[in-house]
Amino acid sequence: MNYLNKAKVVKDDEFYTPYEDIEKAVYRHRDKFKGSIVYCNCDDYRTSNFYKLFKKKFQELGLDQVIATHYVDQQHKLFQLEEPAKPKHATFYESDYVYEHKYQEKINDITEGDGSYDSKYCKRYLRASDIVVTNPPFSIFTDYYRYLKKHKKKFLILAPYTAVFNKEIYDDLRTKQVFLSVKDKDHHITFQKENGTKKEVFCTWLTNLSELQNEKLVCTERYKKEKYQTFYEKDYLINVNRLCDIPTDYYEAMAVPITYFLFHDSEQFEILDQENDNMKVVLTDCATGLPYARGKGLCVESDKKSGNLFDKYTGKYYRVCFRRAIIKRRSKHNDKN
């Protein structure tokens, strides 16, 4: 990532995660932290609630070390007289020396690079750590996620909820390589800047530490052909507008709201592979209002004036309505009515 893009990320994504939200997320997987080196690689130790939590709960969680590093733009502005601030590297650990305090904290300047999570300096600490816990910049979330996967790291990271529709993350959720870690419908988090500005975001925690037992969906509706619209070229794929309307007796593919992932039960349903990137988006026919899913190879162009999509194959205009997950009920699973 170039310096200009990094600077923009810092400016746009500098919101602090509330302490209580971090604490709830960490304690869902408390047993996984014992004896671990935790690395917060997008965190300034002076302001990060992640670092503050792990310092405060260090003994309770049985941690070995906590490390925090953060990015600082090192580019000089024209006529700038002062040197840019150096990014900091903080380490909190239990001392092995009899004559020292029980817990030690070391603060050092990052002397190589800008402190970015993918810098050579920070990569050393990534390799030495056991679990990465942080709130990475949402604007580069996909790159960040791939970076952790590349280095085969265990992680608990905050993500924009729309990240579940990145094909790579969607497939990892489907194949149970990664899980959503959200309980009690706490998927709306209010972030805050230093100046007091607040921003509520629909987001989720992604982890590969362990799978949580989600709240089961209670479904009572029966399938009626006239009630559930099907997709163009996919007459077996029905559209379900609300989770509570998932039919109990339908065993083919269903397009459901993205909030389904908050309740996914692998014993109840399986998440299907998406045949192409467009199956995740529900389009509606501008003339009839009926749902429509593009098939492979169809040519769609955007109409600049209306913002709608024109499909050369059908000669019709469509508008993007909402995003969907594709699921299928496991054979003859009986819901409790």
C-alpha atoms as a PDB file:
ATOM      1  CA  MET A   1       0.000   0.000   0.000  1.00  0.00           C
ATOM      2  CA  ASN A   2       1.444   3.421  -0.899  1.00  0.00           C
ATOM      3  CA  TYR A   3       1.893   6.265   1.621  1.00  0.00           C
ATOM      4  CA  LEU A   4      -0.980   8.373   0.323  1.00  0.00           C
ATOM      5  CA  ASN A   5      -3.426   5.502   0.646  1.00  0.00           C
ATOM      6  CA  LYS A   6      -2.153   4.651   4.118  1.00  0.00           C
ATOM      7  CA  ALA A   7      -2.565   8.243   5.251  1.00  0.00           C
ATOM      8  CA  LYS A   8      -6.143   8.267   3.988  1.00  0.00           C
ATOM      9  CA  VAL A   9      -6.850   5.020   5.859  1.00  0.00           C
ATOM     10  CA  VAL A  10      -5.598   6.542   9.109  1.00  0.00           C
ATOM     11  CA  LYS A  11      -7.714   9.661   8.606  1.00  0.00           C
ATOM     12  CA  ASP A  12     -10.910   7.776   7.719  1.00  0.00           C
ATOM     13  CA  ASP A  13     -10.600   4.758  10.035  1.00  0.00           C
ATOM     14  CA  GLU A  14      -9.303   6.291  13.291  1.00  0.00           C
ATOM     15  CA  PHE A  15     -12.286   5.250  15.401  1.00  0.00           C
ATOM     16  CA  TYR A  16     -11.736   3.583  18.779  1.00  0.00           C
ATOM     17  CA  THR A  17     -13.481   0.343  19.685  1.00  0.00           C
ATOM     18  CA  PRO A  18     -15.343   0.472  23.031  1.00  0.00           C
ATOM     19  CA  TYR A  19     -13.634  -1.432  25.851  1.00  0.00           C
ATOM     20  CA  GLU A  20     -16.782  -3.355  26.824  1.00  0.00           C
ATOM     21  CA  ASP A  21     -17.296  -4.690  23.263  1.00  0.00           C
ATOM     22  CA  ILE A  22     -13.718  -5.957  23.131  1.00  0.00           C
ATOM     23  CA  GLU A  23     -14.066  -7.570  26.546  1.00  0.00           C
ATOM     24  CA  LYS A  24     -17.228  -9.450  25.540  1.00  0.00           C
ATOM     25  CA  ALA A  25     -15.599 -10.716  22.339  1.00  0.00           C
ATOM     26  CA  VAL A  26     -12.396 -11.870  24.075  1.00  0.00           C
ATOM     27  CA  TYR A  27     -14.189 -13.616  26.922  1.00  0.00           C
ATOM     28  CA  ARG A  28     -16.261 -15.699  24.518  1.00  0.00           C
ATOM     29  CA  HIS A  29     -12.986 -17.456  23.684  1.00  0.00           C
ATOM     30  CA  ARG A  30     -11.295 -17.035  27.050  1.00  0.00           C
ATOM     31  CA  ASP A  31      -9.934 -20.585  27.189  1.00  0.00           C
ATOM     32  CA  LYS A  32      -7.944 -20.028  23.973  1.00  0.00           C
ATOM     33  CA  PHE A  33      -5.793 -17.236  25.420  1.00  0.00           C
ATOM     34  CA  LYS A  34      -3.998 -19.037  28.248  1.00  0.00           C
ATOM     35  CA  GLY A  35      -0.228 -18.983  27.736  1.00  0.00           C
ATOM     36  CA  SER A  36      -0.528 -16.960  24.505  1.00  0.00           C
ATOM     37  CA  ILE A  37       1.377 -14.044  23.055  1.00  0.00           C
ATOM     38  CA  VAL A  38      -1.309 -11.607  21.900  1.00  0.00           C
ATOM     39  CA  TYR A  39      -0.446  -9.157  19.150  1.00  0.00           C
ATOM     40  CA  CYS A  40      -2.497  -6.003  18.513  1.00  0.00           C
ATOM     41  CA  ASN A  41      -0.896  -4.869  15.261  1.00  0.00           C
ATOM     42  CA  CYS A  42      -3.133  -1.871  14.492  1.00  0.00           C
ATOM     43  CA  ASP A  43      -3.016  -0.342  17.964  1.00  0.00           C
ATOM     44  CA  ASP A  44      -1.314   2.633  19.581  1.00  0.00           C
ATOM     45  CA  TYR A  45      -0.768   1.531  23.185  1.00  0.00           C
ATOM     46  CA  ARG A  46      -1.612   5.043  24.435  1.00  0.00           C
ATOM     47  CA  THR A  47      -5.176   5.019  23.106  1.00  0.00           C
ATOM     48  CA  SER A  48      -6.046   1.420  22.193  1.00  0.00           C
ATOM     49  CA  ASN A  49      -8.704  -0.254  24.317  1.00  0.00           C
ATOM     50  CA  PHE A  50      -7.428  -3.601  23.038  1.00  0.00           C
ATOM     51  CA  TYR A  51      -4.042  -3.044  24.653  1.00  0.00           C
ATOM     52  CA  LYS A  52      -5.649  -1.623  27.804  1.00  0.00           C
ATOM     53  CA  LEU A  53      -7.886  -4.680  28.158  1.00  0.00           C
ATOM     54  CA  PHE A  54      -5.070  -7.196  27.799  1.00  0.00           C
ATOM     55  CA  LYS A  55      -2.917  -5.303  30.290  1.00  0.00           C
ATOM     56  CA  LYS A  56      -5.728  -5.173  32.840  1.00  0.00           C
ATOM     57  CA  LYS A  57      -6.779  -8.808  32.311  1.00  0.00           C
ATOM     58  CA  PHE A  58      -3.259 -10.141  31.773  1.00  0.00           C
ATOM     59  CA  GLN A  59      -3.209 -12.443  34.806  1.00  0.00           C
ATOM     60  CA  GLU A  60      -6.882 -13.374  34.604  1.00  0.00           C
ATOM     61  CA  LEU A  61      -6.488 -14.550  30.995  1.00  0.00           C
ATOM     62  CA  GLY A  62      -3.153 -16.215  31.759  1.00  0.00           C
ATOM     63  CA  LEU A  63      -1.293 -14.379  28.993  1.00  0.00           C
ATOM     64  CA  ASP A  64       2.393 -14.687  28.260  1.00  0.00           C
ATOM     65  CA  GLN A  65       2.875 -11.331  26.488  1.00  0.00           C
ATOM     66  CA  VAL A  66       0.912  -8.504  24.901  1.00  0.00           C
ATOM     67  CA  ILE A  67       2.432  -6.624  21.982  1.00  0.00           C
ATOM     68  CA  ALA A  68       1.042  -3.499  20.313  1.00  0.00           C
ATOM     69  CA  THR A  69       2.278  -1.684  17.220  1.00  0.00           C
ATOM     70  CA  HIS A  70       0.647   0.983  15.074  1.00  0.00           C
ATOM     71  CA  TYR A  71       1.042   2.904  11.843  1.00  0.00           C
ATOM     72  CA  VAL A  72       2.173   6.533  11.617  1.00  0.00           C
ATOM     73  CA  ASP A  73       2.467   8.369   8.302  1.00  0.00           C
ATOM     74  CA  GLN A  74       6.149   9.153   7.806  1.00  0.00           C
ATOM     75  CA  GLN A  75       5.790  11.303   4.688  1.00  0.00           C
ATOM     76  CA  HIS A  76       7.039  14.887   5.079  1.00  0.00           C
ATOM     77  CA  LYS A  77       4.618  17.584   4.030  1.00  0.00           C
ATOM     78  CA  LEU A  78       5.937  20.524   2.024  1.00  0.00           C
ATOM     79  CA  PHE A  79       7.636  23.119   4.300  1.00  0.00           C
ATOM     80  CA  GLN A  80       6.933  20.946   7.355  1.00  0.00           C
ATOM     81  CA  LEU A  81       9.501  21.866  10.027  1.00  0.00           C
ATOM     82  CA  GLU A  82       8.866  19.161  12.605  1.00  0.00           C
ATOM     83  CA  GLU A  83       9.825  15.537  12.135  1.00  0.00           C
ATOM     84  CA  PRO A  84       6.789  13.210  11.934  1.00  0.00           C
ATOM     85  CA  ALA A  85       6.113  11.289  15.130  1.00  0.00           C
ATOM     86  CA  LYS A  86       7.650   7.847  15.373  1.00  0.00           C
ATOM     87  CA  PRO A  87       5.299   4.868  15.642  1.00  0.00           C
ATOM     88  CA  LYS A  88       5.576   3.075  18.970  1.00  0.00           C
ATOM     89  CA  HIS A  89       6.081  -0.539  19.906  1.00  0.00           C
ATOM     90  CA  ALA A  90       4.807  -1.612  23.334  1.00  0.00           C
ATOM     91  CA  THR A  91       5.320  -4.946  25.089  1.00  0.00           C
ATOM     92  CA  PHE A  92       3.715  -5.962  28.386  1.00  0.00           C
ATOM     93  CA  TYR A  93       4.888  -9.136  30.090  1.00  0.00           C
ATOM     94  CA  GLU A  94       5.509 -10.890  33.392  1.00  0.00           C
ATOM     95  CA  SER A  95       9.072 -10.505  34.643  1.00  0.00           C
ATOM     96  CA  ASP A  96      11.225 -13.540  35.343  1.00  0.00           C
ATOM     97  CA  TYR A  97      13.623 -11.559  37.507  1.00  0.00           C
ATOM     98  CA  VAL A  98      13.288 -11.719  41.279  1.00  0.00           C
ATOM     99  CA  TYR A  99      14.444  -8.137  41.867  1.00  0.00           C
ATOM    100  CA  GLU A 100      12.146  -6.532  39.275  1.00  0.00           C
ATOM    101  CA  HIS A 101       8.472  -5.687  39.484  1.00  0.00           C
ATOM    102  CA  LYS A 102       6.178  -8.572  38.673  1.00  0.00           C
ATOM    103  CA  TYR A 103       4.950  -7.014  35.436  1.00  0.00           C
ATOM    104  CA  GLN A 104       7.085  -5.058  33.012  1.00  0.00           C
ATOM    105  CA  GLU A 105       6.211  -2.758  30.115  1.00  0.00           C
ATOM    106  CA  LYS A 106       8.690  -1.695  27.467  1.00  0.00           C
ATOM    107  CA  ILE A 107       7.995   1.177  25.082  1.00  0.00           C
ATOM    108  CA  ASN A 108      10.261   1.660  22.077  1.00  0.00           C
ATOM    109  CA  ASP A 109      10.220   3.646  18.856  1.00  0.00           C
ATOM    110  CA  ILE A 110       9.729   1.589  15.734  1.00  0.00           C
ATOM    111  CA  THR A 111      13.004   2.286  14.020  1.00  0.00           C
ATOM    112  CA  GLU A 112      12.316   0.557  10.711  1.00  0.00           C
ATOM    113  CA  GLY A 113       9.413   1.598   8.491  1.00  0.00           C
ATOM    114  CA  ASP A 114       6.111   3.207   9.434  1.00  0.00           C
ATOM    115  CA  GLY A 115       4.629   0.605  11.785  1.00  0.00           C
ATOM    116  CA  SER A 116       2.163  -0.723   9.205  1.00  0.00           C
ATOM    117  CA  TYR A 117       0.926  -4.233   9.980  1.00  0.00           C
ATOM    118  CA  ASP A 118       2.617  -5.588   6.845  1.00  0.00           C
ATOM    119  CA  SER A 119       5.979  -3.869   7.377  1.00  0.00           C
ATOM    120  CA  LYS A 120       9.164  -5.893   7.793  1.00  0.00           C
ATOM    121  CA  TYR A 121       9.542  -4.708  11.408  1.00  0.00           C
ATOM    122  CA  CYS A 122       6.020  -5.778  12.434  1.00  0.00           C
ATOM    123  CA  LYS A 123       6.179  -9.054  10.552  1.00  0.00           C
ATOM    124  CA  ARG A 124       8.736 -10.324  13.072  1.00  0.00           C
ATOM    125  CA  TYR A 125       6.251  -9.869  15.910  1.00  0.00           C
ATOM    126  CA  LEU A 126       3.445 -11.404  13.882  1.00  0.00           C
ATOM    127  CA  ARG A 127       5.481 -14.560  13.450  1.00  0.00           C
ATOM    128  CA  ALA A 128       6.343 -14.675  17.156  1.00  0.00           C
ATOM    129  CA  SER A 129       2.728 -14.178  18.308  1.00  0.00           C
ATOM    130  CA  ASP A 130       0.001 -16.757  18.895  1.00  0.00           C
ATOM    131  CA  ILE A 131      -3.187 -14.712  18.463  1.00  0.00           C
ATOM    132  CA  VAL A 132      -3.885 -11.422  16.669  1.00  0.00           C
ATOM    133  CA  VAL A 133      -6.657  -9.319  18.215  1.00  0.00           C
ATOM    134  CA  THR A 134      -7.480  -5.908  16.788  1.00  0.00           C
ATOM    135  CA  ASN A 135      -9.825  -3.680  14.811  1.00  0.00           C
ATOM    136  CA  PRO A 136      -8.073  -3.285  11.432  1.00  0.00           C
ATOM    137  CA  PRO A 137      -8.932  -0.407   9.076  1.00  0.00           C
ATOM    138  CA  PHE A 138     -12.185  -1.444   7.371  1.00  0.00           C
ATOM    139  CA  SER A 139     -11.115   0.185   4.111  1.00  0.00           C
ATOM    140  CA  ILE A 140      -8.336  -2.388   3.697  1.00  0.00           C
ATOM    141  CA  PHE A 141     -10.000  -5.247   5.551  1.00  0.00           C
ATOM    142  CA  THR A 142      -9.794  -7.825   2.752  1.00  0.00           C
ATOM    143  CA  ASP A 143      -6.047  -7.293   2.320  1.00  0.00           C
ATOM    144  CA  TYR A 144      -5.571  -7.507   6.071  1.00  0.00           C
ATOM    145  CA  TYR A 145      -7.581 -10.742   6.307  1.00  0.00           C
ATOM    146  CA  ARG A 146      -5.565 -12.338   3.518  1.00  0.00           C
ATOM    147  CA  TYR A 147      -2.348 -11.288   5.236  1.00  0.00           C
ATOM    148  CA  LEU A 148      -3.300 -13.120   8.446  1.00  0.00           C
ATOM    149  CA  LYS A 149      -4.314 -16.195   6.474  1.00  0.00           C
ATOM    150  CA  LYS A 150      -1.071 -16.148   4.528  1.00  0.00           C
ATOM    151  CA  HIS A 151       0.875 -16.266   7.800  1.00  0.00           C
ATOM    152  CA  LYS A 152      -1.473 -18.917   9.266  1.00  0.00           C
ATOM    153  CA  LYS A 153      -2.310 -16.863  12.330  1.00  0.00           C
ATOM    154  CA  LYS A 154      -5.028 -17.406  14.889  1.00  0.00           C
ATOM    155  CA  PHE A 155      -7.108 -14.251  15.158  1.00  0.00           C
ATOM    156  CA  LEU A 156     -10.091 -12.438  16.627  1.00  0.00           C
ATOM    157  CA  ILE A 157     -10.698  -9.330  14.546  1.00  0.00           C
ATOM    158  CA  LEU A 158     -13.492  -6.841  14.069  1.00  0.00           C
ATOM    159  CA  ALA A 159     -14.933  -6.658  10.557  1.00  0.00           C
ATOM    160  CA  PRO A 160     -17.573  -4.691   8.658  1.00  0.00           C
ATOM    161  CA  TYR A 161     -20.566  -6.988   8.300  1.00  0.00           C
ATOM    162  CA  THR A 162     -20.453  -6.645   4.506  1.00  0.00           C
ATOM    163  CA  ALA A 163     -17.106  -8.469   4.603  1.00  0.00           C
ATOM    164  CA  VAL A 164     -19.007 -11.751   4.775  1.00  0.00           C
ATOM    165  CA  PHE A 165     -19.840 -11.272   1.105  1.00  0.00           C
ATOM    166  CA  ASN A 166     -16.261 -11.145   0.013  1.00  0.00           C
ATOM    167  CA  LYS A 167     -16.052 -14.449  -1.859  1.00  0.00           C
ATOM    168  CA  GLU A 168     -12.958 -15.617   0.003  1.00  0.00           C
ATOM    169  CA  ILE A 169     -14.458 -14.900   3.438  1.00  0.00           C
ATOM    170  CA  TYR A 170     -17.843 -16.306   2.396  1.00  0.00           C
ATOM    171  CA  ASP A 171     -16.161 -19.563   1.347  1.00  0.00           C
ATOM    172  CA  ASP A 172     -14.188 -19.707   4.591  1.00  0.00           C
ATOM    173  CA  LEU A 173     -17.431 -19.308   6.561  1.00  0.00           C
ATOM    174  CA  ARG A 174     -19.109 -21.955   4.440  1.00  0.00           C
ATOM    175  CA  THR A 175     -16.272 -24.459   4.952  1.00  0.00           C
ATOM    176  CA  LYS A 176     -15.941 -23.593   8.669  1.00  0.00           C
ATOM    177  CA  GLN A 177     -12.383 -22.316   8.440  1.00  0.00           C
ATOM    178  CA  VAL A 178     -13.549 -19.092  10.071  1.00  0.00           C
ATOM    179  CA  PHE A 179     -16.543 -18.225  12.251  1.00  0.00           C
ATOM    180  CA  LEU A 180     -18.602 -15.229  13.280  1.00  0.00           C
ATOM    181  CA  SER A 181     -18.228 -14.472  16.969  1.00  0.00           C
ATOM    182  CA  VAL A 182     -21.333 -12.476  17.893  1.00  0.00           C
ATOM    183  CA  LYS A 183     -23.741 -13.070  20.756  1.00  0.00           C
ATOM    184  CA  ASP A 184     -26.801 -11.311  22.159  1.00  0.00           C
ATOM    185  CA  LYS A 185     -27.286  -9.415  18.886  1.00  0.00           C
ATOM    186  CA  ASP A 186     -24.333  -7.150  19.723  1.00  0.00           C
ATOM    187  CA  HIS A 187     -23.530  -6.538  16.057  1.00  0.00           C
ATOM    188  CA  HIS A 188     -24.015  -2.768  16.245  1.00  0.00           C
ATOM    189  CA  ILE A 189     -20.979  -1.083  17.768  1.00  0.00           C
ATOM    190  CA  THR A 190     -20.680   2.628  18.493  1.00  0.00           C
ATOM    191  CA  PHE A 191     -17.145   3.783  17.729  1.00  0.00           C
ATOM    192  CA  GLN A 192     -15.715   7.081  18.912  1.00  0.00           C
ATOM    193  CA  LYS A 193     -12.968   9.454  17.793  1.00  0.00           C
ATOM    194  CA  GLU A 194     -10.722  11.475  20.111  1.00  0.00           C
ATOM    195  CA  ASN A 195     -12.783  14.580  19.349  1.00  0.00           C
ATOM    196  CA  GLY A 196     -15.950  12.864  20.594  1.00  0.00           C
ATOM    197  CA  THR A 197     -17.418  12.082  17.162  1.00  0.00           C
ATOM    198  CA  LYS A 198     -19.439   8.859  17.322  1.00  0.00           C
ATOM    199  CA  LYS A 199     -20.350   6.437  14.591  1.00  0.00           C
ATOM    200  CA  GLU A 200     -22.560   3.348  14.845  1.00  0.00           C
ATOM    201  CA  VAL A 201     -21.478   0.537  12.541  1.00  0.00           C
ATOM    202  CA  PHE A 202     -23.079  -2.801  11.666  1.00  0.00           C
ATOM    203  CA  CYS A 203     -20.154  -5.141  12.132  1.00  0.00           C
ATOM    204  CA  THR A 204     -19.077  -8.550  13.400  1.00  0.00           C
ATOM    205  CA  TRP A 205     -16.143 -10.356  14.948  1.00  0.00           C
ATOM    206  CA  LEU A 206     -14.350 -12.870  12.741  1.00  0.00           C
ATOM    207  CA  THR A 207     -12.288 -15.601  14.328  1.00  0.00           C
ATOM    208  CA  ASN A 208     -10.674 -18.966  13.706  1.00  0.00           C
ATOM    209  CA  LEU A 209     -10.269 -19.669  17.446  1.00  0.00           C
ATOM    210  CA  SER A 210     -13.489 -21.628  17.960  1.00  0.00           C
ATOM    211  CA  GLU A 211     -17.102 -21.831  16.836  1.00  0.00           C
ATOM    212  CA  LEU A 212     -19.813 -20.452  19.093  1.00  0.00           C
ATOM    213  CA  GLN A 213     -23.198 -22.059  19.508  1.00  0.00           C
ATOM    214  CA  ASN A 214     -25.585 -19.566  17.933  1.00  0.00           C
ATOM    215  CA  GLU A 215     -29.177 -18.988  18.885  1.00  0.00           C
ATOM    216  CA  LYS A 216     -31.350 -21.367  16.874  1.00  0.00           C
ATOM    217  CA  LEU A 217     -33.762 -19.974  14.334  1.00  0.00           C
ATOM    218  CA  VAL A 218     -37.382 -20.696  15.123  1.00  0.00           C
ATOM    219  CA  CYS A 219     -39.176 -21.269  11.830  1.00  0.00           C
ATOM    220  CA  THR A 220     -42.894 -22.028  11.565  1.00  0.00           C
ATOM    221  CA  GLU A 221     -43.807 -21.157   7.975  1.00  0.00           C
ATOM    222  CA  ARG A 222     -44.756 -23.852   5.444  1.00  0.00           C
ATOM    223  CA  TYR A 223     -43.714 -23.623   1.823  1.00  0.00           C
ATOM    224  CA  LYS A 224     -46.353 -22.281  -0.580  1.00  0.00           C
ATOM    225  CA  LYS A 225     -45.327 -21.703  -4.154  1.00  0.00           C
ATOM    226  CA  GLU A 226     -47.328 -18.504  -4.485  1.00  0.00           C
ATOM    227  CA  LYS A 227     -45.712 -16.971  -1.391  1.00  0.00           C
ATOM    228  CA  TYR A 228     -42.039 -17.391  -2.351  1.00  0.00           C
ATOM    229  CA  GLN A 229     -40.737 -15.826  -5.530  1.00  0.00           C
ATOM    230  CA  THR A 230     -38.052 -17.635  -7.488  1.00  0.00           C
ATOM    231  CA  PHE A 231     -35.096 -16.320  -9.457  1.00  0.00           C
ATOM    232  CA  TYR A 232     -34.715 -15.975 -13.198  1.00  0.00           C
ATOM    233  CA  GLU A 233     -33.022 -19.135 -14.561  1.00  0.00           C
ATOM    234  CA  LYS A 234     -33.037 -20.569 -11.020  1.00  0.00           C
ATOM    235  CA  ASP A 235     -36.603 -21.746 -10.461  1.00  0.00           C
ATOM    236  CA  TYR A 236     -35.544 -23.907  -7.510  1.00  0.00           C
ATOM    237  CA  LEU A 237     -33.926 -20.956  -5.689  1.00  0.00           C
ATOM    238  CA  ILE A 238     -36.532 -19.085  -3.666  1.00  0.00           C
ATOM    239  CA  ASN A 239     -36.229 -15.621  -2.160  1.00  0.00           C
ATOM    240  CA  VAL A 240     -36.974 -15.298   1.571  1.00  0.00           C
ATOM    241  CA  ASN A 241     -37.419 -11.729   2.768  1.00  0.00           C
ATOM    242  CA  ARG A 242     -37.285 -12.403   6.516  1.00  0.00           C
ATOM    243  CA  LEU A 243     -35.466 -15.077   8.511  1.00  0.00           C
ATOM    244  CA  CYS A 244     -38.654 -16.007  10.340  1.00  0.00           C
ATOM    245  CA  ASP A 245     -40.203 -16.821   6.946  1.00  0.00           C
ATOM    246  CA  ILE A 246     -37.722 -19.591   6.106  1.00  0.00           C
ATOM    247  CA  PRO A 247     -40.042 -22.526   5.308  1.00  0.00           C
ATOM    248  CA  THR A 248     -39.702 -25.621   7.493  1.00  0.00           C
ATOM    249  CA  ASP A 249     -40.473 -28.044   4.666  1.00  0.00           C
ATOM    250  CA  TYR A 250     -38.360 -26.679   1.776  1.00  0.00           C
ATOM    251  CA  TYR A 251     -35.122 -28.528   1.023  1.00  0.00           C
ATOM    252  CA  GLU A 252     -33.820 -26.672  -2.013  1.00  0.00           C
ATOM    253  CA  ALA A 253     -31.678 -23.530  -2.130  1.00  0.00           C
ATOM    254  CA  MET A 254     -32.936 -20.338  -0.462  1.00  0.00           C
ATOM    255  CA  ALA A 255     -31.680 -16.746  -0.743  1.00  0.00           C
ATOM    256  CA  VAL A 256     -31.939 -15.232   2.738  1.00  0.00           C
ATOM    257  CA  PRO A 257     -30.960 -11.898   4.387  1.00  0.00           C
ATOM    258  CA  ILE A 258     -27.291 -11.496   5.307  1.00  0.00           C
ATOM    259  CA  THR A 259     -28.216 -11.386   8.992  1.00  0.00           C
ATOM    260  CA  TYR A 260     -28.604 -15.167   8.681  1.00  0.00           C
ATOM    261  CA  PHE A 261     -24.917 -15.546   9.510  1.00  0.00           C
ATOM    262  CA  LEU A 262     -25.644 -14.334  13.038  1.00  0.00           C
ATOM    263  CA  PHE A 263     -27.824 -17.418  13.593  1.00  0.00           C
ATOM    264  CA  HIS A 264     -26.109 -20.035  11.440  1.00  0.00           C
ATOM    265  CA  ASP A 265     -26.477 -23.535  12.816  1.00  0.00           C
ATOM    266  CA  SER A 266     -24.544 -26.099  10.788  1.00  0.00           C
ATOM    267  CA  GLU A 267     -26.843 -28.871  12.035  1.00  0.00           C
ATOM    268  CA  GLN A 268     -29.870 -27.022  10.717  1.00  0.00           C
ATOM    269  CA  PHE A 269     -28.606 -25.547   7.434  1.00  0.00           C
ATOM    270  CA  GLU A 270     -25.641 -25.612   5.100  1.00  0.00           C
ATOM    271  CA  ILE A 271     -24.279 -22.500   3.412  1.00  0.00           C
ATOM    272  CA  LEU A 272     -24.037 -23.115  -0.316  1.00  0.00           C
ATOM    273  CA  ASP A 273     -21.233 -22.149  -2.627  1.00  0.00           C
ATOM    274  CA  GLN A 274     -22.109 -19.148  -4.770  1.00  0.00           C
ATOM    275  CA  GLU A 275     -21.988 -20.054  -8.433  1.00  0.00           C
ATOM    276  CA  ASN A 276     -20.886 -16.558  -9.414  1.00  0.00           C
ATOM    277  CA  ASP A 277     -20.342 -13.232  -7.736  1.00  0.00           C
ATOM    278  CA  ASN A 278     -23.783 -11.956  -8.724  1.00  0.00           C
ATOM    279  CA  MET A 279     -25.814 -14.649  -6.993  1.00  0.00           C
ATOM    280  CA  LYS A 280     -25.303 -12.791  -3.747  1.00  0.00           C
ATOM    281  CA  VAL A 281     -27.188  -9.742  -5.008  1.00  0.00           C
ATOM    282  CA  VAL A 282     -30.933  -9.678  -5.518  1.00  0.00           C
ATOM    283  CA  LEU A 283     -32.003  -7.598  -8.488  1.00  0.00           C
ATOM    284  CA  THR A 284     -35.593  -6.583  -9.063  1.00  0.00           C
ATOM    285  CA  ASP A 285     -37.219  -6.041 -12.412  1.00  0.00           C
ATOM    286  CA  CYS A 286     -37.977  -2.300 -12.659  1.00  0.00           C
ATOM    287  CA  ALA A 287     -41.233  -3.027 -14.473  1.00  0.00           C
ATOM    288  CA  THR A 288     -42.653  -5.907 -12.408  1.00  0.00           C
ATOM    289  CA  GLY A 289     -40.757  -5.716  -9.117  1.00  0.00           C
ATOM    290  CA  LEU A 290     -40.002  -9.441  -9.317  1.00  0.00           C
ATOM    291  CA  PRO A 291     -36.626 -10.746  -8.088  1.00  0.00           C
ATOM    292  CA  TYR A 292     -34.027 -11.751 -10.639  1.00  0.00           C
ATOM    293  CA  ALA A 293     -30.595 -13.374 -10.425  1.00  0.00           C
ATOM    294  CA  ARG A 294     -28.190 -13.189 -13.300  1.00  0.00           C
ATOM    295  CA  GLY A 295     -27.012 -16.389 -14.890  1.00  0.00           C
ATOM    296  CA  LYS A 296     -23.474 -16.985 -16.110  1.00  0.00           C
ATOM    297  CA  GLY A 297     -22.305 -15.016 -19.091  1.00  0.00           C
ATOM    298  CA  LEU A 298     -25.091 -12.464 -19.139  1.00  0.00           C
ATOM    299  CA  CYS A 299     -24.037  -8.972 -20.120  1.00  0.00           C
ATOM    300  CA  VAL A 300     -25.168  -6.207 -17.802  1.00  0.00           C
ATOM    301  CA  GLU A 301     -24.422  -2.529 -18.212  1.00  0.00           C
ATOM    302  CA  SER A 302     -25.068   0.305 -15.770  1.00  0.00           C
ATOM    303  CA  ASP A 303     -27.387   3.103 -16.865  1.00  0.00           C
ATOM    304  CA  LYS A 304     -25.652   6.299 -15.684  1.00  0.00           C
ATOM    305  CA  LYS A 305     -28.818   8.388 -15.684  1.00  0.00           C
ATOM    306  CA  SER A 306     -31.039   6.114 -13.572  1.00  0.00           C
ATOM    307  CA  GLY A 307     -28.400   4.052 -11.790  1.00  0.00           C
ATOM    308  CA  ASN A 308     -30.256   0.895 -12.819  1.00  0.00           C
ATOM    309  CA  LEU A 309     -28.726  -2.103 -14.587  1.00  0.00           C
ATOM    310  CA  PHE A 310     -29.607  -3.052 -18.162  1.00  0.00           C
ATOM    311  CA  ASP A 311     -29.300  -6.694 -19.170  1.00  0.00           C
ATOM    312  CA  LYS A 312     -28.669  -7.101 -22.896  1.00  0.00           C
ATOM    313  CA  TYR A 313     -29.756 -10.729 -22.682  1.00  0.00           C
ATOM    314  CA  THR A 314     -33.283 -10.005 -21.458  1.00  0.00           C
ATOM    315  CA  GLY A 315     -33.600  -6.414 -22.695  1.00  0.00           C
ATOM    316  CA  LYS A 316     -34.858  -5.337 -19.272  1.00  0.00           C
ATOM    317  CA  TYR A 317     -33.797  -2.854 -16.590  1.00  0.00           C
ATOM    318  CA  TYR A 318     -33.099  -3.986 -13.037  1.00  0.00           C
ATOM    319  CA  ARG A 319     -32.200  -2.318  -9.772  1.00  0.00           C
ATOM    320  CA  VAL A 320     -30.011  -3.746  -7.036  1.00  0.00           C
ATOM    321  CA  CYS A 321     -32.305  -4.411  -4.125  1.00  0.00           C
ATOM    322  CA  PHE A 322     -30.457  -6.271  -1.391  1.00  0.00           C
ATOM    323  CA  ARG A 323     -27.717  -8.790  -0.715  1.00  0.00           C
ATOM    324  CA  ARG A 324     -28.367 -12.409   0.098  1.00  0.00           C
ATOM    325  CA  ALA A 325     -26.747 -15.539   1.497  1.00  0.00           C
ATOM    326  CA  ILE A 326     -27.588 -18.851  -0.170  1.00  0.00           C
ATOM    327  CA  ILE A 327     -28.516 -21.665   2.238  1.00  0.00           C
ATOM    328  CA  LYS A 328     -30.145 -25.094   2.129  1.00  0.00           C
ATOM    329  CA  ARG A 329     -31.928 -26.945   4.904  1.00  0.00           C
ATOM    330  CA  ARG A 330     -30.302 -30.182   5.906  1.00  0.00           C
ATOM    331  CA  SER A 331     -32.356 -33.169   4.899  1.00  0.00           C
ATOM    332  CA  LYS A 332     -35.495 -33.663   6.968  1.00  0.00           C
ATOM    333  CA  HIS A 333     -34.295 -31.559   9.877  1.00  0.00           C
ATOM    334  CA  ASN A 334     -37.296 -30.918  12.096  1.00  0.00           C
ATOM    335  CA  ASP A 335     -37.640 -27.431  13.528  1.00  0.00           C
ATOM    336  CA  LYS A 336     -39.381 -26.988  16.842  1.00  0.00           C
ATOM    337  CA  ASN A 337     -42.649 -25.271  16.108  1.00  0.00           C
END
